[in-house]
């Protein structure tokens, strides 16, 4: 069951300010085993380089998923898209790398919003 829940969700927004060095703000939520989620994060940062420092928003164990974790983070980048070949190098599982507009409206308290609202909704968990 847990293999079906593993995924990457992301949202990207663009800052039109010509003075900004990094015009694109990416938000990611990686759902996987903890060690694999960190490896995926490292691959994302490599593909989006050059990028400013990333900020971890929230992370934790997901109840009732046999040990899955989520890792949510933001990163500023000069890149406004991830091509198919880049997404494939990051996570080569069909249909599990998804653009998610819900990440655009993330709460100002991600340490509460992710575990209590976002994760149960995207994984259809009723806990």
N, C-alpha and C. Protein backbone atom coordinates (compact mmCIF):
# COMPACT_ATOMS: atom_id res chain seq x y z
N UNK A 1 0.80 -1.19 0.00
CA UNK A 1 0.00 0.00 0.00
C UNK A 1 0.85 1.27 0.00
N UNK A 2 1.96 1.26 0.74
CA UNK A 2 2.75 2.50 0.87
C UNK A 2 3.39 2.92 -0.45
N UNK A 3 3.68 1.97 -1.35
CA UNK A 3 4.27 2.35 -2.64
C UNK A 3 3.33 3.25 -3.42
N UNK A 4 2.02 3.04 -3.29
CA UNK A 4 1.06 3.87 -4.00
C UNK A 4 1.00 5.29 -3.45
N UNK A 5 1.41 5.48 -2.20
CA UNK A 5 1.35 6.80 -1.57
C UNK A 5 2.59 7.63 -1.82
N UNK A 6 3.68 7.01 -2.20
CA UNK A 6 4.94 7.73 -2.42
C UNK A 6 4.79 8.66 -3.62
N UNK A 7 5.22 9.92 -3.44
CA UNK A 7 5.05 10.89 -4.51
C UNK A 7 5.79 12.18 -4.20
N UNK A 8 5.85 13.02 -5.22
CA UNK A 8 6.38 14.38 -5.08
C UNK A 8 5.31 15.33 -5.59
N UNK A 9 5.02 16.35 -4.80
CA UNK A 9 4.08 17.38 -5.21
C UNK A 9 4.83 18.71 -5.16
N UNK A 10 4.52 19.58 -6.12
CA UNK A 10 5.25 20.85 -6.16
C UNK A 10 4.38 21.97 -6.71
N UNK A 11 4.81 23.18 -6.43
CA UNK A 11 4.22 24.39 -6.98
C UNK A 11 5.37 25.36 -7.23
N UNK A 12 5.27 26.13 -8.31
CA UNK A 12 6.28 27.14 -8.59
C UNK A 12 5.58 28.46 -8.91
N UNK A 13 6.10 29.54 -8.35
CA UNK A 13 5.59 30.87 -8.65
C UNK A 13 6.77 31.74 -9.10
N UNK A 14 6.46 32.75 -9.88
CA UNK A 14 7.50 33.59 -10.48
C UNK A 14 7.40 35.02 -9.96
N UNK A 15 8.54 35.57 -9.59
CA UNK A 15 8.64 36.96 -9.17
C UNK A 15 9.08 37.77 -10.38
N UNK A 16 8.24 38.70 -10.85
CA UNK A 16 8.59 39.46 -12.06
C UNK A 16 9.64 40.56 -11.84
N UNK A 17 10.09 40.74 -10.60
CA UNK A 17 11.08 41.78 -10.30
C UNK A 17 12.39 41.50 -11.03
N UNK A 18 12.75 42.40 -11.93
CA UNK A 18 13.98 42.20 -12.72
C UNK A 18 15.24 42.26 -11.87
N UNK A 19 15.14 42.85 -10.69
CA UNK A 19 16.31 42.97 -9.82
C UNK A 19 16.59 41.68 -9.03
N UNK A 20 15.61 40.82 -8.97
CA UNK A 20 15.77 39.58 -8.19
C UNK A 20 16.73 38.64 -8.89
N UNK A 21 17.64 38.06 -8.13
CA UNK A 21 18.59 37.10 -8.71
C UNK A 21 17.90 35.77 -9.00
N UNK A 22 17.01 35.38 -8.11
CA UNK A 22 16.29 34.12 -8.25
C UNK A 22 14.81 34.45 -8.42
N UNK A 23 14.29 34.28 -9.62
CA UNK A 23 12.93 34.70 -9.95
C UNK A 23 11.85 33.68 -9.59
N UNK A 24 12.22 32.46 -9.31
CA UNK A 24 11.22 31.39 -9.17
C UNK A 24 11.29 30.77 -7.77
N UNK A 25 10.14 30.74 -7.11
CA UNK A 25 10.05 30.12 -5.80
C UNK A 25 9.31 28.79 -5.95
N UNK A 26 9.99 27.74 -5.58
CA UNK A 26 9.45 26.38 -5.67
C UNK A 26 9.08 25.91 -4.27
N UNK A 27 7.95 25.24 -4.16
CA UNK A 27 7.55 24.56 -2.93
C UNK A 27 7.37 23.09 -3.27
N UNK A 28 8.01 22.23 -2.49
CA UNK A 28 7.93 20.79 -2.71
C UNK A 28 7.43 20.09 -1.46
N UNK A 29 6.71 19.01 -1.68
CA UNK A 29 6.36 18.08 -0.61
C UNK A 29 6.68 16.68 -1.13
N UNK A 30 7.67 16.06 -0.52
CA UNK A 30 8.12 14.72 -0.92
C UNK A 30 7.56 13.74 0.11
N UNK A 31 6.90 12.70 -0.37
CA UNK A 31 6.32 11.67 0.49
C UNK A 31 6.99 10.35 0.13
N UNK A 32 7.74 9.82 1.11
CA UNK A 32 8.50 8.60 0.87
C UNK A 32 9.08 8.14 2.21
N UNK A 33 9.88 7.10 2.20
CA UNK A 33 10.65 6.74 3.39
C UNK A 33 11.60 7.90 3.69
N UNK A 34 11.93 8.12 4.95
CA UNK A 34 12.68 9.31 5.33
C UNK A 34 14.00 9.45 4.56
N UNK A 35 14.76 8.40 4.51
CA UNK A 35 16.06 8.46 3.83
C UNK A 35 15.90 8.77 2.34
N UNK A 36 14.92 8.13 1.70
CA UNK A 36 14.68 8.36 0.28
C UNK A 36 14.16 9.78 0.04
N UNK A 37 13.33 10.31 0.93
CA UNK A 37 12.83 11.67 0.79
C UNK A 37 14.00 12.66 0.79
N UNK A 38 14.98 12.44 1.62
CA UNK A 38 16.16 13.33 1.67
C UNK A 38 17.00 13.20 0.40
N UNK A 39 17.12 11.99 -0.11
CA UNK A 39 17.85 11.80 -1.38
C UNK A 39 17.14 12.52 -2.53
N UNK A 40 15.81 12.43 -2.55
CA UNK A 40 15.03 13.11 -3.58
C UNK A 40 15.20 14.61 -3.47
N UNK A 41 15.17 15.13 -2.24
CA UNK A 41 15.39 16.57 -2.03
C UNK A 41 16.73 17.00 -2.61
N UNK A 42 17.77 16.23 -2.35
CA UNK A 42 19.11 16.55 -2.87
C UNK A 42 19.11 16.56 -4.40
N UNK A 43 18.41 15.62 -5.01
CA UNK A 43 18.32 15.59 -6.48
C UNK A 43 17.58 16.82 -7.01
N UNK A 44 16.52 17.22 -6.34
CA UNK A 44 15.78 18.42 -6.75
C UNK A 44 16.68 19.64 -6.69
N UNK A 45 17.41 19.79 -5.60
CA UNK A 45 18.31 20.94 -5.45
C UNK A 45 19.39 20.93 -6.53
N UNK A 46 19.87 19.77 -6.89
CA UNK A 46 20.87 19.67 -7.97
C UNK A 46 20.27 20.12 -9.29
N UNK A 47 19.07 19.68 -9.60
CA UNK A 47 18.43 20.02 -10.87
C UNK A 47 18.04 21.50 -10.95
N UNK A 48 17.77 22.12 -9.82
CA UNK A 48 17.38 23.54 -9.82
C UNK A 48 18.55 24.49 -9.64
N UNK A 49 19.76 23.97 -9.53
CA UNK A 49 20.94 24.82 -9.37
C UNK A 49 21.15 25.66 -10.63
N UNK A 50 21.63 26.90 -10.50
CA UNK A 50 21.95 27.56 -9.24
C UNK A 50 20.68 27.98 -8.52
N UNK A 51 20.73 27.83 -7.21
CA UNK A 51 19.58 28.17 -6.38
C UNK A 51 20.07 28.78 -5.08
N UNK A 52 19.21 29.56 -4.48
CA UNK A 52 19.50 30.09 -3.15
C UNK A 52 19.33 28.96 -2.15
N UNK A 53 19.63 29.22 -0.91
CA UNK A 53 19.44 28.20 0.11
C UNK A 53 17.99 27.76 0.15
N UNK A 54 17.79 26.50 0.45
CA UNK A 54 16.43 25.99 0.62
C UNK A 54 16.02 26.15 2.08
N UNK A 55 14.72 26.19 2.30
CA UNK A 55 14.17 26.31 3.65
C UNK A 55 13.24 25.13 3.89
N UNK A 56 13.55 24.34 4.90
CA UNK A 56 12.65 23.24 5.24
C UNK A 56 11.46 23.81 6.00
N UNK A 57 10.27 23.50 5.51
CA UNK A 57 9.04 24.03 6.07
C UNK A 57 8.46 23.14 7.15
N UNK A 58 8.48 21.84 6.89
CA UNK A 58 7.89 20.88 7.81
C UNK A 58 8.32 19.48 7.39
N UNK A 59 8.39 18.58 8.35
CA UNK A 59 8.68 17.18 8.05
C UNK A 59 8.14 16.32 9.17
N UNK A 60 7.88 15.08 8.84
CA UNK A 60 7.41 14.19 9.89
C UNK A 60 6.95 12.84 9.39
N UNK A 61 6.74 11.97 10.35
CA UNK A 61 6.21 10.63 10.10
C UNK A 61 4.72 10.74 9.82
N UNK A 62 4.25 9.99 8.84
CA UNK A 62 2.83 10.00 8.48
C UNK A 62 2.18 8.79 9.13
N UNK A 63 1.24 9.01 10.06
CA UNK A 63 0.58 7.88 10.73
C UNK A 63 -0.13 6.96 9.73
N UNK A 64 -0.19 5.69 10.09
CA UNK A 64 -0.94 4.68 9.34
C UNK A 64 -0.41 4.46 7.92
N UNK A 65 0.90 4.67 7.71
CA UNK A 65 1.47 4.47 6.37
C UNK A 65 2.69 3.56 6.38
N UNK A 66 2.88 2.81 7.42
CA UNK A 66 4.01 1.87 7.50
C UNK A 66 5.35 2.57 7.33
N UNK A 67 5.51 3.72 7.99
CA UNK A 67 6.81 4.37 8.04
C UNK A 67 7.10 5.45 7.01
N UNK A 68 6.10 5.87 6.26
CA UNK A 68 6.35 6.96 5.31
C UNK A 68 6.50 8.29 6.04
N UNK A 69 7.32 9.14 5.46
CA UNK A 69 7.54 10.49 5.97
C UNK A 69 7.16 11.49 4.89
N UNK A 70 6.96 12.72 5.30
CA UNK A 70 6.83 13.81 4.34
C UNK A 70 7.93 14.81 4.66
N UNK A 71 8.41 15.48 3.63
CA UNK A 71 9.43 16.51 3.75
C UNK A 71 9.00 17.66 2.84
N UNK A 72 8.68 18.79 3.44
CA UNK A 72 8.23 19.96 2.68
C UNK A 72 9.30 21.05 2.76
N UNK A 73 9.61 21.65 1.61
CA UNK A 73 10.64 22.68 1.59
C UNK A 73 10.41 23.65 0.44
N UNK A 74 10.96 24.85 0.60
CA UNK A 74 10.96 25.89 -0.42
C UNK A 74 12.39 26.08 -0.93
N UNK A 75 12.50 26.47 -2.18
CA UNK A 75 13.80 26.83 -2.74
C UNK A 75 13.60 27.91 -3.79
N UNK A 76 14.48 28.90 -3.80
CA UNK A 76 14.49 29.93 -4.83
C UNK A 76 15.48 29.53 -5.90
N UNK A 77 15.09 29.69 -7.17
CA UNK A 77 15.93 29.24 -8.27
C UNK A 77 15.83 30.19 -9.46
N UNK A 78 16.82 30.12 -10.32
CA UNK A 78 16.76 30.84 -11.59
C UNK A 78 15.92 30.08 -12.61
N UNK A 79 15.63 28.82 -12.31
CA UNK A 79 14.88 27.97 -13.24
C UNK A 79 13.38 27.97 -12.90
N UNK A 80 12.56 28.18 -13.91
CA UNK A 80 11.12 28.24 -13.73
C UNK A 80 10.40 26.98 -14.15
N UNK A 81 11.15 25.98 -14.60
CA UNK A 81 10.51 24.71 -14.97
C UNK A 81 11.49 23.57 -14.78
N UNK A 82 10.94 22.39 -14.60
CA UNK A 82 11.72 21.16 -14.61
C UNK A 82 11.27 20.37 -15.83
N UNK A 83 12.21 20.15 -16.74
CA UNK A 83 11.91 19.39 -17.95
C UNK A 83 11.62 17.92 -17.60
N UNK A 84 11.04 17.21 -18.56
CA UNK A 84 10.72 15.81 -18.36
C UNK A 84 11.96 15.01 -17.96
N UNK A 85 13.08 15.23 -18.64
CA UNK A 85 14.30 14.46 -18.32
C UNK A 85 14.80 14.78 -16.91
N UNK A 86 14.62 16.03 -16.46
CA UNK A 86 15.03 16.38 -15.10
C UNK A 86 14.12 15.69 -14.07
N UNK A 87 12.81 15.73 -14.31
CA UNK A 87 11.88 15.07 -13.40
C UNK A 87 12.17 13.57 -13.34
N UNK A 88 12.51 13.00 -14.48
CA UNK A 88 12.81 11.56 -14.53
C UNK A 88 14.07 11.23 -13.71
N UNK A 89 15.07 12.11 -13.75
CA UNK A 89 16.29 11.88 -12.95
C UNK A 89 15.99 12.02 -11.45
N UNK A 90 15.04 12.87 -11.11
CA UNK A 90 14.69 13.07 -9.70
C UNK A 90 13.87 11.90 -9.18
N UNK A 91 12.82 11.52 -9.90
CA UNK A 91 11.92 10.46 -9.42
C UNK A 91 11.25 9.84 -10.63
N UNK A 92 11.73 8.70 -11.01
CA UNK A 92 11.30 8.05 -12.25
C UNK A 92 10.16 7.06 -11.99
N UNK A 93 9.05 7.59 -11.49
CA UNK A 93 7.86 6.78 -11.27
C UNK A 93 6.70 7.52 -11.94
N UNK A 94 6.12 6.89 -12.91
CA UNK A 94 5.08 7.54 -13.72
C UNK A 94 3.88 8.02 -12.87
N UNK A 95 3.51 9.27 -13.10
CA UNK A 95 2.34 9.83 -12.46
C UNK A 95 2.52 10.22 -11.00
N UNK A 96 3.74 10.18 -10.49
CA UNK A 96 3.97 10.46 -9.07
C UNK A 96 4.75 11.75 -8.83
N UNK A 97 4.91 12.57 -9.87
CA UNK A 97 5.58 13.87 -9.76
C UNK A 97 4.56 14.88 -10.24
N UNK A 98 3.85 15.50 -9.31
CA UNK A 98 2.65 16.26 -9.67
C UNK A 98 2.71 17.73 -9.29
N UNK A 99 2.28 18.57 -10.21
CA UNK A 99 2.05 19.98 -9.93
C UNK A 99 0.82 20.05 -9.04
N UNK A 100 0.88 20.84 -7.97
CA UNK A 100 -0.23 20.89 -7.01
C UNK A 100 -0.48 22.33 -6.58
N UNK A 101 -1.55 22.90 -7.09
CA UNK A 101 -1.90 24.29 -6.79
C UNK A 101 -2.20 24.50 -5.31
N UNK A 102 -2.59 23.46 -4.58
CA UNK A 102 -2.85 23.61 -3.15
C UNK A 102 -1.63 24.12 -2.39
N UNK A 103 -0.45 23.84 -2.89
CA UNK A 103 0.76 24.32 -2.22
C UNK A 103 0.92 25.83 -2.33
N UNK A 104 0.25 26.44 -3.30
CA UNK A 104 0.30 27.90 -3.45
C UNK A 104 -0.36 28.57 -2.25
N UNK A 105 -1.42 27.99 -1.73
CA UNK A 105 -2.16 28.60 -0.64
C UNK A 105 -1.74 28.10 0.73
N UNK A 106 -0.50 27.66 0.84
CA UNK A 106 -0.02 27.11 2.09
C UNK A 106 -0.17 28.10 3.23
N UNK A 107 -0.51 27.60 4.36
CA UNK A 107 -0.68 28.40 5.56
C UNK A 107 0.63 29.05 6.00
N UNK A 108 0.51 30.10 6.79
CA UNK A 108 1.70 30.73 7.34
C UNK A 108 2.32 29.89 8.46
N UNK A 109 1.65 28.80 8.83
CA UNK A 109 2.17 27.89 9.86
C UNK A 109 2.33 26.50 9.25
N UNK A 110 3.35 26.31 8.41
CA UNK A 110 3.49 25.03 7.71
C UNK A 110 3.69 23.83 8.63
N UNK A 111 4.27 24.05 9.82
CA UNK A 111 4.48 22.94 10.75
C UNK A 111 3.16 22.38 11.27
N UNK A 112 2.08 23.13 11.15
CA UNK A 112 0.75 22.66 11.52
C UNK A 112 -0.04 22.27 10.27
N UNK A 113 0.02 23.11 9.23
CA UNK A 113 -0.77 22.91 8.02
C UNK A 113 -0.45 21.59 7.31
N UNK A 114 0.84 21.29 7.15
CA UNK A 114 1.21 20.06 6.44
C UNK A 114 0.68 18.80 7.14
N UNK A 115 1.01 18.57 8.42
CA UNK A 115 0.56 17.30 9.02
C UNK A 115 -0.94 17.23 9.31
N UNK A 116 -1.57 18.36 9.58
CA UNK A 116 -2.98 18.31 9.99
C UNK A 116 -3.96 18.49 8.83
N UNK A 117 -3.56 19.18 7.78
CA UNK A 117 -4.48 19.44 6.68
C UNK A 117 -4.02 18.85 5.35
N UNK A 118 -2.82 19.21 4.93
CA UNK A 118 -2.36 18.85 3.59
C UNK A 118 -2.15 17.35 3.41
N UNK A 119 -1.33 16.75 4.25
CA UNK A 119 -0.99 15.33 4.09
C UNK A 119 -2.23 14.44 4.15
N UNK A 120 -3.11 14.59 5.15
CA UNK A 120 -4.32 13.74 5.15
C UNK A 120 -5.17 13.91 3.89
N UNK A 121 -5.23 15.14 3.36
CA UNK A 121 -6.06 15.39 2.17
C UNK A 121 -5.45 14.75 0.92
N UNK A 122 -4.17 14.94 0.69
CA UNK A 122 -3.60 14.41 -0.56
C UNK A 122 -3.45 12.89 -0.53
N UNK A 123 -3.32 12.32 0.65
CA UNK A 123 -3.18 10.86 0.75
C UNK A 123 -4.53 10.19 1.06
N UNK A 124 -5.57 10.99 1.22
CA UNK A 124 -6.91 10.47 1.53
C UNK A 124 -6.89 9.61 2.79
N UNK A 125 -6.24 10.16 3.82
CA UNK A 125 -6.16 9.45 5.10
C UNK A 125 -7.17 10.06 6.06
N UNK A 126 -7.90 9.26 6.70
CA UNK A 126 -8.88 9.75 7.67
C UNK A 126 -8.42 9.52 9.08
N UNK A 127 -7.42 10.28 9.51
CA UNK A 127 -6.98 10.12 10.92
C UNK A 127 -7.18 11.36 11.69
